[in-house]
PDB file of N, CA and C in Angstrom:
ATOM      1  N   MET A   1     137.416 111.398  69.242  1.00  0.00           N
ATOM      2  CA  MET A   1     137.977 112.706  69.517  1.00  0.00           C
ATOM      3  C   MET A   1     139.456 112.539  69.860  1.00  0.00           C
ATOM      4  N   SER A   2     140.202 113.595  69.741  1.00  0.00           N
ATOM      5  CA  SER A   2     141.643 113.557  69.983  1.00  0.00           C
ATOM      6  C   SER A   2     141.931 113.550  71.475  1.00  0.00           C
ATOM      7  N   ASN A   3     143.211 113.652  71.818  1.00  0.00           N
ATOM      8  CA  ASN A   3     143.622 113.687  73.210  1.00  0.00           C
ATOM      9  C   ASN A   3     143.487 115.069  73.828  1.00  0.00           C
ATOM     10  N   THR A   4     142.968 116.025  73.091  1.00  0.00           N
ATOM     11  CA  THR A   4     142.780 117.366  73.609  1.00  0.00           C
ATOM     12  C   THR A   4     141.788 117.324  74.762  1.00  0.00           C
ATOM     13  N   LYS A   5     142.151 117.960  75.865  1.00  0.00           N
ATOM     14  CA  LYS A   5     141.258 118.032  77.011  1.00  0.00           C
ATOM     15  C   LYS A   5     140.087 118.956  76.664  1.00  0.00           C
ATOM     16  N   ILE A   6     138.860 118.481  76.967  1.00  0.00           N
ATOM     17  CA  ILE A   6     137.657 119.236  76.624  1.00  0.00           C
ATOM     18  C   ILE A   6     136.813 119.441  77.877  1.00  0.00           C
ATOM     19  N   LEU A   7     136.487 120.696  78.137  1.00  0.00           N
ATOM     20  CA  LEU A   7     135.602 121.056  79.233  1.00  0.00           C
ATOM     21  C   LEU A   7     134.165 120.986  78.743  1.00  0.00           C
ATOM     22  N   THR A   8     133.303 120.347  79.520  1.00  0.00           N
ATOM     23  CA  THR A   8     131.872 120.329  79.235  1.00  0.00           C
ATOM     24  C   THR A   8     131.167 120.912  80.445  1.00  0.00           C
ATOM     25  N   GLU A   9     130.305 121.895  80.207  1.00  0.00           N
ATOM     26  CA  GLU A   9     129.580 122.531  81.304  1.00  0.00           C
ATOM     27  C   GLU A   9     128.145 122.804  80.868  1.00  0.00           C
ATOM     28  N   THR A  10     127.191 122.373  81.695  1.00  0.00           N
ATOM     29  CA  THR A  10     125.778 122.626  81.443  1.00  0.00           C
ATOM     30  C   THR A  10     125.304 123.700  82.405  1.00  0.00           C
ATOM     31  N   ILE A  11     124.560 124.672  81.878  1.00  0.00           N
ATOM     32  CA  ILE A  11     124.050 125.757  82.712  1.00  0.00           C
ATOM     33  C   ILE A  11     122.586 126.019  82.376  1.00  0.00           C
ATOM     34  N   LYS A  12     121.948 126.817  83.200  1.00  0.00           N
ATOM     35  CA  LYS A  12     120.640 127.406  82.917  1.00  0.00           C
ATOM     36  C   LYS A  12     120.859 128.910  82.823  1.00  0.00           C
ATOM     37  N   PHE A  13     120.175 129.553  81.881  1.00  0.00           N
ATOM     38  CA  PHE A  13     120.242 131.009  81.776  1.00  0.00           C
ATOM     39  C   PHE A  13     118.869 131.537  81.395  1.00  0.00           C
ATOM     40  N   LEU A  14     118.631 132.803  81.705  1.00  0.00           N
ATOM     41  CA  LEU A  14     117.350 133.433  81.430  1.00  0.00           C
ATOM     42  C   LEU A  14     117.249 133.764  79.947  1.00  0.00           C
ATOM     43  N   ALA A  15     116.301 133.119  79.256  1.00  0.00           N
ATOM     44  CA  ALA A  15     116.101 133.377  77.831  1.00  0.00           C
ATOM     45  C   ALA A  15     115.462 134.746  77.634  1.00  0.00           C
ATOM     46  N   SER A  16     114.418 135.012  78.385  1.00  0.00           N
ATOM     47  CA  SER A  16     113.738 136.309  78.389  1.00  0.00           C
ATOM     48  C   SER A  16     112.908 136.379  79.668  1.00  0.00           C
ATOM     49  N   ASN A  17     112.530 137.569  80.042  1.00  0.00           N
ATOM     50  CA  ASN A  17     111.723 137.713  81.257  1.00  0.00           C
ATOM     51  C   ASN A  17     110.398 136.979  81.148  1.00  0.00           C
ATOM     52  N   SER A  18     109.809 136.956  79.980  1.00  0.00           N
ATOM     53  CA  SER A  18     108.498 136.333  79.823  1.00  0.00           C
ATOM     54  C   SER A  18     108.558 134.819  79.639  1.00  0.00           C
ATOM     55  N   SER A  19     109.691 134.288  79.175  1.00  0.00           N
ATOM     56  CA  SER A  19     109.746 132.850  78.878  1.00  0.00           C
ATOM     57  C   SER A  19     110.566 132.037  79.867  1.00  0.00           C
ATOM     58  N   GLY A  20     111.310 132.675  80.743  1.00  0.00           N
ATOM     59  CA  GLY A  20     112.048 131.952  81.774  1.00  0.00           C
ATOM     60  C   GLY A  20     113.397 131.415  81.335  1.00  0.00           C
ATOM     61  N   GLU A  21     113.871 130.425  82.086  1.00  0.00           N
ATOM     62  CA  GLU A  21     115.202 129.865  81.865  1.00  0.00           C
ATOM     63  C   GLU A  21     115.194 128.737  80.846  1.00  0.00           C
ATOM     64  N   VAL A  22     116.345 128.585  80.205  1.00  0.00           N
ATOM     65  CA  VAL A  22     116.588 127.475  79.283  1.00  0.00           C
ATOM     66  C   VAL A  22     117.964 126.885  79.590  1.00  0.00           C
ATOM     67  N   SER A  23     118.220 125.736  79.006  1.00  0.00           N
ATOM     68  CA  SER A  23     119.503 125.052  79.208  1.00  0.00           C
ATOM     69  C   SER A  23     120.511 125.455  78.146  1.00  0.00           C
ATOM     70  N   GLY A  24     121.764 125.456  78.540  1.00  0.00           N
ATOM     71  CA  GLY A  24     122.875 125.678  77.626  1.00  0.00           C
ATOM     72  C   GLY A  24     123.973 124.677  77.917  1.00  0.00           C
ATOM     73  N   LEU A  25     124.747 124.343  76.906  1.00  0.00           N
ATOM     74  CA  LEU A  25     125.812 123.344  77.046  1.00  0.00           C
ATOM     75  C   LEU A  25     127.074 123.845  76.355  1.00  0.00           C
ATOM     76  N   LEU A  26     128.120 124.043  77.145  1.00  0.00           N
ATOM     77  CA  LEU A  26     129.417 124.481  76.626  1.00  0.00           C
ATOM     78  C   LEU A  26     130.299 123.267  76.395  1.00  0.00           C
ATOM     79  N   LEU A  27     130.907 123.189  75.226  1.00  0.00           N
ATOM     80  CA  LEU A  27     131.907 122.181  74.896  1.00  0.00           C
ATOM     81  C   LEU A  27     133.137 122.965  74.464  1.00  0.00           C
ATOM     82  N   LYS A  28     134.167 122.973  75.314  1.00  0.00           N
ATOM     83  CA  LYS A  28     135.313 123.864  75.087  1.00  0.00           C
ATOM     84  C   LYS A  28     136.633 123.096  75.151  1.00  0.00           C
ATOM     85  N   PRO A  29     137.278 122.919  73.989  1.00  0.00           N
ATOM     86  CA  PRO A  29     138.618 122.315  74.015  1.00  0.00           C
ATOM     87  C   PRO A  29     139.606 123.295  74.654  1.00  0.00           C
ATOM     88  N   GLN A  30     140.618 122.763  75.313  1.00  0.00           N
ATOM     89  CA  GLN A  30     141.565 123.633  76.035  1.00  0.00           C
ATOM     90  C   GLN A  30     142.303 124.594  75.115  1.00  0.00           C
ATOM     91  N   ASP A  31     142.435 124.238  73.843  1.00  0.00           N
ATOM     92  CA  ASP A  31     143.161 125.086  72.900  1.00  0.00           C
ATOM     93  C   ASP A  31     142.230 125.905  72.003  1.00  0.00           C
ATOM     94  N   ALA A  32     140.984 126.095  72.434  1.00  0.00           N
ATOM     95  CA  ALA A  32     140.003 126.816  71.615  1.00  0.00           C
ATOM     96  C   ALA A  32     140.423 128.265  71.384  1.00  0.00           C
ATOM     97  N   GLN A  33     140.123 128.753  70.201  1.00  0.00           N
ATOM     98  CA  GLN A  33     140.339 130.147  69.823  1.00  0.00           C
ATOM     99  C   GLN A  33     139.008 130.865  69.625  1.00  0.00           C
ATOM    100  N   TRP A  34     137.990 130.109  69.268  1.00  0.00           N
ATOM    101  CA  TRP A  34     136.683 130.637  68.901  1.00  0.00           C
ATOM    102  C   TRP A  34     135.597 129.916  69.687  1.00  0.00           C
ATOM    103  N   LEU A  35     134.449 130.565  69.824  1.00  0.00           N
ATOM    104  CA  LEU A  35     133.278 129.965  70.461  1.00  0.00           C
ATOM    105  C   LEU A  35     132.065 130.225  69.578  1.00  0.00           C
ATOM    106  N   LEU A  36     131.476 129.143  69.070  1.00  0.00           N
ATOM    107  CA  LEU A  36     130.264 129.229  68.269  1.00  0.00           C
ATOM    108  C   LEU A  36     129.065 129.112  69.198  1.00  0.00           C
ATOM    109  N   VAL A  37     128.239 130.150  69.255  1.00  0.00           N
ATOM    110  CA  VAL A  37     126.971 130.117  69.972  1.00  0.00           C
ATOM    111  C   VAL A  37     125.991 129.491  68.985  1.00  0.00           C
ATOM    112  N   TYR A  38     125.529 128.275  69.291  1.00  0.00           N
ATOM    113  CA  TYR A  38     124.979 127.352  68.309  1.00  0.00           C
ATOM    114  C   TYR A  38     123.540 126.972  68.648  1.00  0.00           C
ATOM    115  N   GLY A  39     122.577 127.595  67.958  1.00  0.00           N
ATOM    116  CA  GLY A  39     121.161 127.322  68.184  1.00  0.00           C
ATOM    117  C   GLY A  39     120.680 126.105  67.409  1.00  0.00           C
ATOM    118  N   HIS A  40     119.746 125.384  68.002  1.00  0.00           N
ATOM    119  CA  HIS A  40     119.189 124.186  67.356  1.00  0.00           C
ATOM    120  C   HIS A  40     118.169 124.548  66.284  1.00  0.00           C
ATOM    121  N   GLY A  41     117.778 123.568  65.506  1.00  0.00           N
ATOM    122  CA  GLY A  41     116.767 123.761  64.477  1.00  0.00           C
ATOM    123  C   GLY A  41     115.362 123.745  65.055  1.00  0.00           C
ATOM    124  N   ALA A  42     114.381 123.925  64.206  1.00  0.00           N
ATOM    125  CA  ALA A  42     112.994 124.027  64.661  1.00  0.00           C
ATOM    126  C   ALA A  42     112.454 122.720  65.236  1.00  0.00           C
ATOM    127  N   GLY A  43     112.994 121.577  64.816  1.00  0.00           N
ATOM    128  CA  GLY A  43     112.394 120.313  65.219  1.00  0.00           C
ATOM    129  C   GLY A  43     113.150 119.470  66.220  1.00  0.00           C
ATOM    130  N   ALA A  44     114.328 119.891  66.650  1.00  0.00           N
ATOM    131  CA  ALA A  44     115.126 119.044  67.544  1.00  0.00           C
ATOM    132  C   ALA A  44     115.890 119.908  68.537  1.00  0.00           C
ATOM    133  N   PRO A  45     116.102 119.411  69.766  1.00  0.00           N
ATOM    134  CA  PRO A  45     116.772 120.193  70.805  1.00  0.00           C
ATOM    135  C   PRO A  45     118.291 120.220  70.648  1.00  0.00           C
ATOM    136  N   MET A  46     118.933 120.916  71.574  1.00  0.00           N
ATOM    137  CA  MET A  46     120.389 121.065  71.545  1.00  0.00           C
ATOM    138  C   MET A  46     121.121 119.731  71.706  1.00  0.00           C
ATOM    139  N   GLU A  47     120.454 118.718  72.257  1.00  0.00           N
ATOM    140  CA  GLU A  47     121.085 117.415  72.470  1.00  0.00           C
ATOM    141  C   GLU A  47     121.002 116.502  71.253  1.00  0.00           C
ATOM    142  N   HIS A  48     120.391 116.956  70.175  1.00  0.00           N
ATOM    143  CA  HIS A  48     120.231 116.126  68.976  1.00  0.00           C
ATOM    144  C   HIS A  48     121.599 115.596  68.528  1.00  0.00           C
ATOM    145  N   PRO A  49     121.661 114.349  68.040  1.00  0.00           N
ATOM    146  CA  PRO A  49     122.944 113.770  67.616  1.00  0.00           C
ATOM    147  C   PRO A  49     123.698 114.624  66.586  1.00  0.00           C
ATOM    148  N   PHE A  50     122.992 115.285  65.674  1.00  0.00           N
ATOM    149  CA  PHE A  50     123.664 116.148  64.705  1.00  0.00           C
ATOM    150  C   PHE A  50     124.376 117.299  65.406  1.00  0.00           C
ATOM    151  N   MET A  51     123.698 117.913  66.374  1.00  0.00           N
ATOM    152  CA  MET A  51     124.293 119.028  67.126  1.00  0.00           C
ATOM    153  C   MET A  51     125.507 118.546  67.923  1.00  0.00           C
ATOM    154  N   GLN A  52     125.398 117.379  68.534  1.00  0.00           N
ATOM    155  CA  GLN A  52     126.508 116.814  69.301  1.00  0.00           C
ATOM    156  C   GLN A  52     127.685 116.503  68.383  1.00  0.00           C
ATOM    157  N   ALA A  53     127.409 115.860  67.263  1.00  0.00           N
ATOM    158  CA  ALA A  53     128.485 115.469  66.343  1.00  0.00           C
ATOM    159  C   ALA A  53     129.209 116.685  65.772  1.00  0.00           C
ATOM    160  N   THR A  54     128.460 117.703  65.355  1.00  0.00           N
ATOM    161  CA  THR A  54     129.137 118.883  64.802  1.00  0.00           C
ATOM    162  C   THR A  54     129.930 119.610  65.878  1.00  0.00           C
ATOM    163  N   SER A  55     129.432 119.615  67.097  1.00  0.00           N
ATOM    164  CA  SER A  55     130.190 120.239  68.195  1.00  0.00           C
ATOM    165  C   SER A  55     131.506 119.498  68.435  1.00  0.00           C
ATOM    166  N   GLU A  56     131.463 118.181  68.380  1.00  0.00           N
ATOM    167  CA  GLU A  56     132.686 117.388  68.569  1.00  0.00           C
ATOM    168  C   GLU A  56     133.678 117.612  67.427  1.00  0.00           C
ATOM    169  N   ILE A  57     133.184 117.679  66.207  1.00  0.00           N
ATOM    170  CA  ILE A  57     134.066 117.931  65.057  1.00  0.00           C
ATOM    171  C   ILE A  57     134.693 119.316  65.160  1.00  0.00           C
ATOM    172  N   LEU A  58     133.888 120.324  65.516  1.00  0.00           N
ATOM    173  CA  LEU A  58     134.425 121.674  65.675  1.00  0.00           C
ATOM    174  C   LEU A  58     135.485 121.719  66.772  1.00  0.00           C
ATOM    175  N   ALA A  59     135.273 120.964  67.846  1.00  0.00           N
ATOM    176  CA  ALA A  59     136.260 120.923  68.938  1.00  0.00           C
ATOM    177  C   ALA A  59     137.616 120.417  68.452  1.00  0.00           C
ATOM    178  N   LEU A  60     137.601 119.498  67.490  1.00  0.00           N
ATOM    179  CA  LEU A  60     138.850 118.999  66.918  1.00  0.00           C
ATOM    180  C   LEU A  60     139.620 120.098  66.177  1.00  0.00           C
ATOM    181  N   HIS A  61     138.902 121.150  65.817  1.00  0.00           N
ATOM    182  CA  HIS A  61     139.494 122.280  65.097  1.00  0.00           C
ATOM    183  C   HIS A  61     139.608 123.528  65.973  1.00  0.00           C
ATOM    184  N   GLN A  62     139.704 123.313  67.276  1.00  0.00           N
ATOM    185  CA  GLN A  62     139.886 124.381  68.264  1.00  0.00           C
ATOM    186  C   GLN A  62     138.726 125.380  68.303  1.00  0.00           C
ATOM    187  N   ILE A  63     137.516 124.914  68.009  1.00  0.00           N
ATOM    188  CA  ILE A  63     136.330 125.764  68.085  1.00  0.00           C
ATOM    189  C   ILE A  63     135.407 125.206  69.158  1.00  0.00           C
ATOM    190  N   ALA A  64     135.194 125.997  70.188  1.00  0.00           N
ATOM    191  CA  ALA A  64     134.255 125.630  71.245  1.00  0.00           C
ATOM    192  C   ALA A  64     132.835 125.897  70.747  1.00  0.00           C
ATOM    193  N   THR A  65     131.864 125.225  71.368  1.00  0.00           N
ATOM    194  CA  THR A  65     130.466 125.489  71.039  1.00  0.00           C
ATOM    195  C   THR A  65     129.674 125.698  72.318  1.00  0.00           C
ATOM    196  N   PHE A  66     128.678 126.564  72.226  1.00  0.00           N
ATOM    197  CA  PHE A  66     127.700 126.749  73.292  1.00  0.00           C
ATOM    198  C   PHE A  66     126.329 126.513  72.660  1.00  0.00           C
ATOM    199  N   ARG A  67     125.804 125.302  72.893  1.00  0.00           N
ATOM    200  CA  ARG A  67     124.477 124.955  72.385  1.00  0.00           C
ATOM    201  C   ARG A  67     123.449 125.362  73.436  1.00  0.00           C
ATOM    202  N   TYR A  68     122.259 125.699  72.963  1.00  0.00           N
ATOM    203  CA  TYR A  68     121.214 126.111  73.893  1.00  0.00           C
ATOM    204  C   TYR A  68     119.850 125.767  73.327  1.00  0.00           C
ATOM    205  N   ASN A  69     118.885 125.636  74.216  1.00  0.00           N
ATOM    206  CA  ASN A  69     117.510 125.402  73.811  1.00  0.00           C
ATOM    207  C   ASN A  69     116.747 126.714  73.734  1.00  0.00           C
ATOM    208  N   PHE A  70     115.800 126.771  72.821  1.00  0.00           N
ATOM    209  CA  PHE A  70     114.822 127.849  72.824  1.00  0.00           C
ATOM    210  C   PHE A  70     113.730 127.457  73.815  1.00  0.00           C
ATOM    211  N   PRO A  71     112.990 128.439  74.356  1.00  0.00           N
ATOM    212  CA  PRO A  71     111.986 128.126  75.383  1.00  0.00           C
ATOM    213  C   PRO A  71     110.961 127.070  74.976  1.00  0.00           C
ATOM    214  N   TYR A  72     110.466 127.089  73.741  1.00  0.00           N
ATOM    215  CA  TYR A  72     109.455 126.101  73.345  1.00  0.00           C
ATOM    216  C   TYR A  72     110.010 124.685  73.403  1.00  0.00           C
ATOM    217  N   MET A  73     111.280 124.517  73.077  1.00  0.00           N
ATOM    218  CA  MET A  73     111.883 123.189  73.110  1.00  0.00           C
ATOM    219  C   MET A  73     112.179 122.794  74.560  1.00  0.00           C
ATOM    220  N   GLU A  74     112.644 123.739  75.342  1.00  0.00           N
ATOM    221  CA  GLU A  74     112.926 123.487  76.765  1.00  0.00           C
ATOM    222  C   GLU A  74     111.656 123.023  77.479  1.00  0.00           C
ATOM    223  N   ASN A  75     110.520 123.622  77.112  1.00  0.00           N
ATOM    224  CA  ASN A  75     109.251 123.339  77.771  1.00  0.00           C
ATOM    225  C   ASN A  75     108.412 122.306  77.027  1.00  0.00           C
ATOM    226  N   LYS A  76     108.999 121.682  76.005  1.00  0.00           N
ATOM    227  CA  LYS A  76     108.373 120.605  75.238  1.00  0.00           C
ATOM    228  C   LYS A  76     107.034 121.030  74.625  1.00  0.00           C
ATOM    229  N   LYS A  77     107.035 122.223  74.047  1.00  0.00           N
ATOM    230  CA  LYS A  77     105.866 122.707  73.305  1.00  0.00           C
ATOM    231  C   LYS A  77     106.146 122.474  71.827  1.00  0.00           C
ATOM    232  N   GLY A  78     105.136 122.188  71.054  1.00  0.00           N
ATOM    233  CA  GLY A  78     105.324 121.788  69.670  1.00  0.00           C
ATOM    234  C   GLY A  78     105.672 122.890  68.696  1.00  0.00           C
ATOM    235  N   ARG A  79     105.368 124.093  69.007  1.00  0.00           N
ATOM    236  CA  ARG A  79     105.487 125.169  68.045  1.00  0.00           C
ATOM    237  C   ARG A  79     106.591 126.147  68.444  1.00  0.00           C
ATOM    238  N   PRO A  80     107.415 126.576  67.489  1.00  0.00           N
ATOM    239  CA  PRO A  80     108.483 127.529  67.832  1.00  0.00           C
ATOM    240  C   PRO A  80     107.944 128.821  68.451  1.00  0.00           C
ATOM    241  N   ASP A  81     108.783 129.433  69.242  1.00  0.00           N
ATOM    242  CA  ASP A  81     108.446 130.692  69.908  1.00  0.00           C
ATOM    243  C   ASP A  81     108.253 131.807  68.885  1.00  0.00           C
ATOM    244  N   PRO A  82     107.520 132.866  69.270  1.00  0.00           N
ATOM    245  CA  PRO A  82     107.393 134.035  68.392  1.00  0.00           C
ATOM    246  C   PRO A  82     108.755 134.702  68.177  1.00  0.00           C
ATOM    247  N   PRO A  83     108.910 135.455  67.081  1.00  0.00           N
ATOM    248  CA  PRO A  83     110.206 136.072  66.765  1.00  0.00           C
ATOM    249  C   PRO A  83     110.829 136.872  67.912  1.00  0.00           C
ATOM    250  N   GLY A  84     110.041 137.608  68.667  1.00  0.00           N
ATOM    251  CA  GLY A  84     110.601 138.389  69.767  1.00  0.00           C
ATOM    252  C   GLY A  84     111.267 137.528  70.831  1.00  0.00           C
ATOM    253  N   ILE A  85     110.661 136.394  71.151  1.00  0.00           N
ATOM    254  CA  ILE A  85     111.241 135.461  72.128  1.00  0.00           C
ATOM    255  C   ILE A  85     112.495 134.810  71.552  1.00  0.00           C
ATOM    256  N   VAL A  86     112.440 134.420  70.286  1.00  0.00           N
ATOM    257  CA  VAL A  86     113.603 133.805  69.628  1.00  0.00           C
ATOM    258  C   VAL A  86     114.779 134.780  69.645  1.00  0.00           C
ATOM    259  N   GLN A  87     114.542 136.007  69.259  1.00  0.00           N
ATOM    260  CA  GLN A  87     115.623 137.010  69.228  1.00  0.00           C
ATOM    261  C   GLN A  87     116.171 137.288  70.618  1.00  0.00           C
ATOM    262  N   ALA A  88     115.300 137.388  71.616  1.00  0.00           N
ATOM    263  CA  ALA A  88     115.759 137.611  72.988  1.00  0.00           C
ATOM    264  C   ALA A  88     116.591 136.422  73.476  1.00  0.00           C
ATOM    265  N   THR A  89     116.185 135.218  73.102  1.00  0.00           N
ATOM    266  CA  THR A  89     116.926 134.022  73.514  1.00  0.00           C
ATOM    267  C   THR A  89     118.309 133.995  72.886  1.00  0.00           C
ATOM    268  N   VAL A  90     118.413 134.339  71.621  1.00  0.00           N
ATOM    269  CA  VAL A  90     119.730 134.382  70.973  1.00  0.00           C
ATOM    270  C   VAL A  90     120.622 135.404  71.667  1.00  0.00           C
ATOM    271  N   ARG A  91     120.094 136.590  71.943  1.00  0.00           N
ATOM    272  CA  ARG A  91     120.895 137.609  72.647  1.00  0.00           C
ATOM    273  C   ARG A  91     121.339 137.110  74.013  1.00  0.00           C
ATOM    274  N   SER A  92     120.418 136.472  74.746  1.00  0.00           N
ATOM    275  CA  SER A  92     120.767 135.942  76.066  1.00  0.00           C
ATOM    276  C   SER A  92     121.801 134.830  75.975  1.00  0.00           C
ATOM    277  N   ALA A  93     121.697 133.992  74.948  1.00  0.00           N
ATOM    278  CA  ALA A  93     122.672 132.914  74.764  1.00  0.00           C
ATOM    279  C   ALA A  93     124.059 133.482  74.470  1.00  0.00           C
ATOM    280  N   VAL A  94     124.125 134.507  73.644  1.00  0.00           N
ATOM    281  CA  VAL A  94     125.412 135.148  73.353  1.00  0.00           C
ATOM    282  C   VAL A  94     126.005 135.731  74.638  1.00  0.00           C
ATOM    283  N   ASN A  95     125.179 136.382  75.449  1.00  0.00           N
ATOM    284  CA  ASN A  95     125.668 136.931  76.719  1.00  0.00           C
ATOM    285  C   ASN A  95     126.149 135.835  77.658  1.00  0.00           C
ATOM    286  N   ALA A  96     125.376 134.752  77.777  1.00  0.00           N
ATOM    287  CA  ALA A  96     125.771 133.641  78.649  1.00  0.00           C
ATOM    288  C   ALA A  96     127.079 133.022  78.175  1.00  0.00           C
ATOM    289  N   ALA A  97     127.216 132.826  76.867  1.00  0.00           N
ATOM    290  CA  ALA A  97     128.431 132.235  76.310  1.00  0.00           C
ATOM    291  C   ALA A  97     129.641 133.127  76.561  1.00  0.00           C
ATOM    292  N   SER A  98     129.465 134.424  76.395  1.00  0.00           N
ATOM    293  CA  SER A  98     130.605 135.334  76.598  1.00  0.00           C
ATOM    294  C   SER A  98     131.019 135.384  78.064  1.00  0.00           C
ATOM    295  N   GLU A  99     130.077 135.158  78.978  1.00  0.00           N
ATOM    296  CA  GLU A  99     130.434 135.080  80.404  1.00  0.00           C
ATOM    297  C   GLU A  99     131.161 133.777  80.723  1.00  0.00           C
ATOM    298  N   LEU A 100     130.763 132.676  80.069  1.00  0.00           N
ATOM    299  CA  LEU A 100     131.410 131.382  80.308  1.00  0.00           C
ATOM    300  C   LEU A 100     132.821 131.320  79.739  1.00  0.00           C
ATOM    301  N   ALA A 101     133.046 131.998  78.630  1.00  0.00           N
ATOM    302  CA  ALA A 101     134.348 131.936  77.949  1.00  0.00           C
ATOM    303  C   ALA A 101     134.741 133.331  77.458  1.00  0.00           C
ATOM    304  N   PRO A 102     135.032 134.247  78.383  1.00  0.00           N
ATOM    305  CA  PRO A 102     135.329 135.621  77.981  1.00  0.00           C
ATOM    306  C   PRO A 102     136.606 135.771  77.164  1.00  0.00           C
ATOM    307  N   ASP A 103     137.435 134.741  77.163  1.00  0.00           N
ATOM    308  CA  ASP A 103     138.706 134.780  76.444  1.00  0.00           C
ATOM    309  C   ASP A 103     138.587 134.383  74.969  1.00  0.00           C
ATOM    310  N   LEU A 104     137.398 133.937  74.543  1.00  0.00           N
ATOM    311  CA  LEU A 104     137.247 133.442  73.177  1.00  0.00           C
ATOM    312  C   LEU A 104     136.508 134.440  72.284  1.00  0.00           C
ATOM    313  N   ASN A 105     136.864 134.428  71.009  1.00  0.00           N
ATOM    314  CA  ASN A 105     136.162 135.228  70.004  1.00  0.00           C
ATOM    315  C   ASN A 105     134.838 134.542  69.703  1.00  0.00           C
ATOM    316  N   LEU A 106     133.751 135.307  69.638  1.00  0.00           N
ATOM    317  CA  LEU A 106     132.429 134.732  69.446  1.00  0.00           C
ATOM    318  C   LEU A 106     131.987 134.697  67.991  1.00  0.00           C
ATOM    319  N   LEU A 107     131.301 133.612  67.663  1.00  0.00           N
ATOM    320  CA  LEU A 107     130.585 133.445  66.399  1.00  0.00           C
ATOM    321  C   LEU A 107     129.164 133.037  66.805  1.00  0.00           C
ATOM    322  N   ALA A 108     128.178 133.357  65.991  1.00  0.00           N
ATOM    323  CA  ALA A 108     126.809 132.914  66.281  1.00  0.00           C
ATOM    324  C   ALA A 108     126.208 132.289  65.048  1.00  0.00           C
ATOM    325  N   GLY A 109     125.496 131.198  65.229  1.00  0.00           N
ATOM    326  CA  GLY A 109     124.866 130.518  64.112  1.00  0.00           C
ATOM    327  C   GLY A 109     123.960 129.424  64.616  1.00  0.00           C
ATOM    328  N   GLY A 110     123.511 128.580  63.712  1.00  0.00           N
ATOM    329  CA  GLY A 110     122.657 127.498  64.139  1.00  0.00           C
ATOM    330  C   GLY A 110     122.259 126.588  62.998  1.00  0.00           C
ATOM    331  N   LYS A 111     121.482 125.602  63.361  1.00  0.00           N
ATOM    332  CA  LYS A 111     120.921 124.654  62.416  1.00  0.00           C
ATOM    333  C   LYS A 111     119.634 125.262  61.856  1.00  0.00           C
ATOM    334  N   SER A 112     119.082 124.692  60.831  1.00  0.00           N
ATOM    335  CA  SER A 112     117.899 125.262  60.169  1.00  0.00           C
ATOM    336  C   SER A 112     116.788 125.567  61.175  1.00  0.00           C
ATOM    337  N   PHE A 113     116.151 126.689  60.983  1.00  0.00           N
ATOM    338  CA  PHE A 113     115.071 127.090  61.888  1.00  0.00           C
ATOM    339  C   PHE A 113     113.850 127.512  61.079  1.00  0.00           C
ATOM    340  N   GLY A 114     113.790 127.075  59.813  1.00  0.00           N
ATOM    341  CA  GLY A 114     112.610 127.316  58.992  1.00  0.00           C
ATOM    342  C   GLY A 114     112.659 128.468  58.122  1.00  0.00           C
TER     343      GLY A 114
END
């Protein structure tokens, strides 16, 4: 990575009332203009090496990332959450990210989820 100063912050946020809290990880270069709210794929958590590597590459291009776990991954259950929980978690992640970095323009996306 470059000499750009990068803030890393781990938080817990409420995914949904029925599923509880999940983890989120902000990686924010000091010169960031954008923040990608970045969901993991169906088979690997937010800490997966691919997620880490792409977050680091994006940081080199002034794009912060907020990675987060879905409840099934946070709780180490084998099967993805139902669509309602997944959608609520994405909305909650976007809200958490916008509170952590209110000065950045938001993007939302993720790795394959099936």
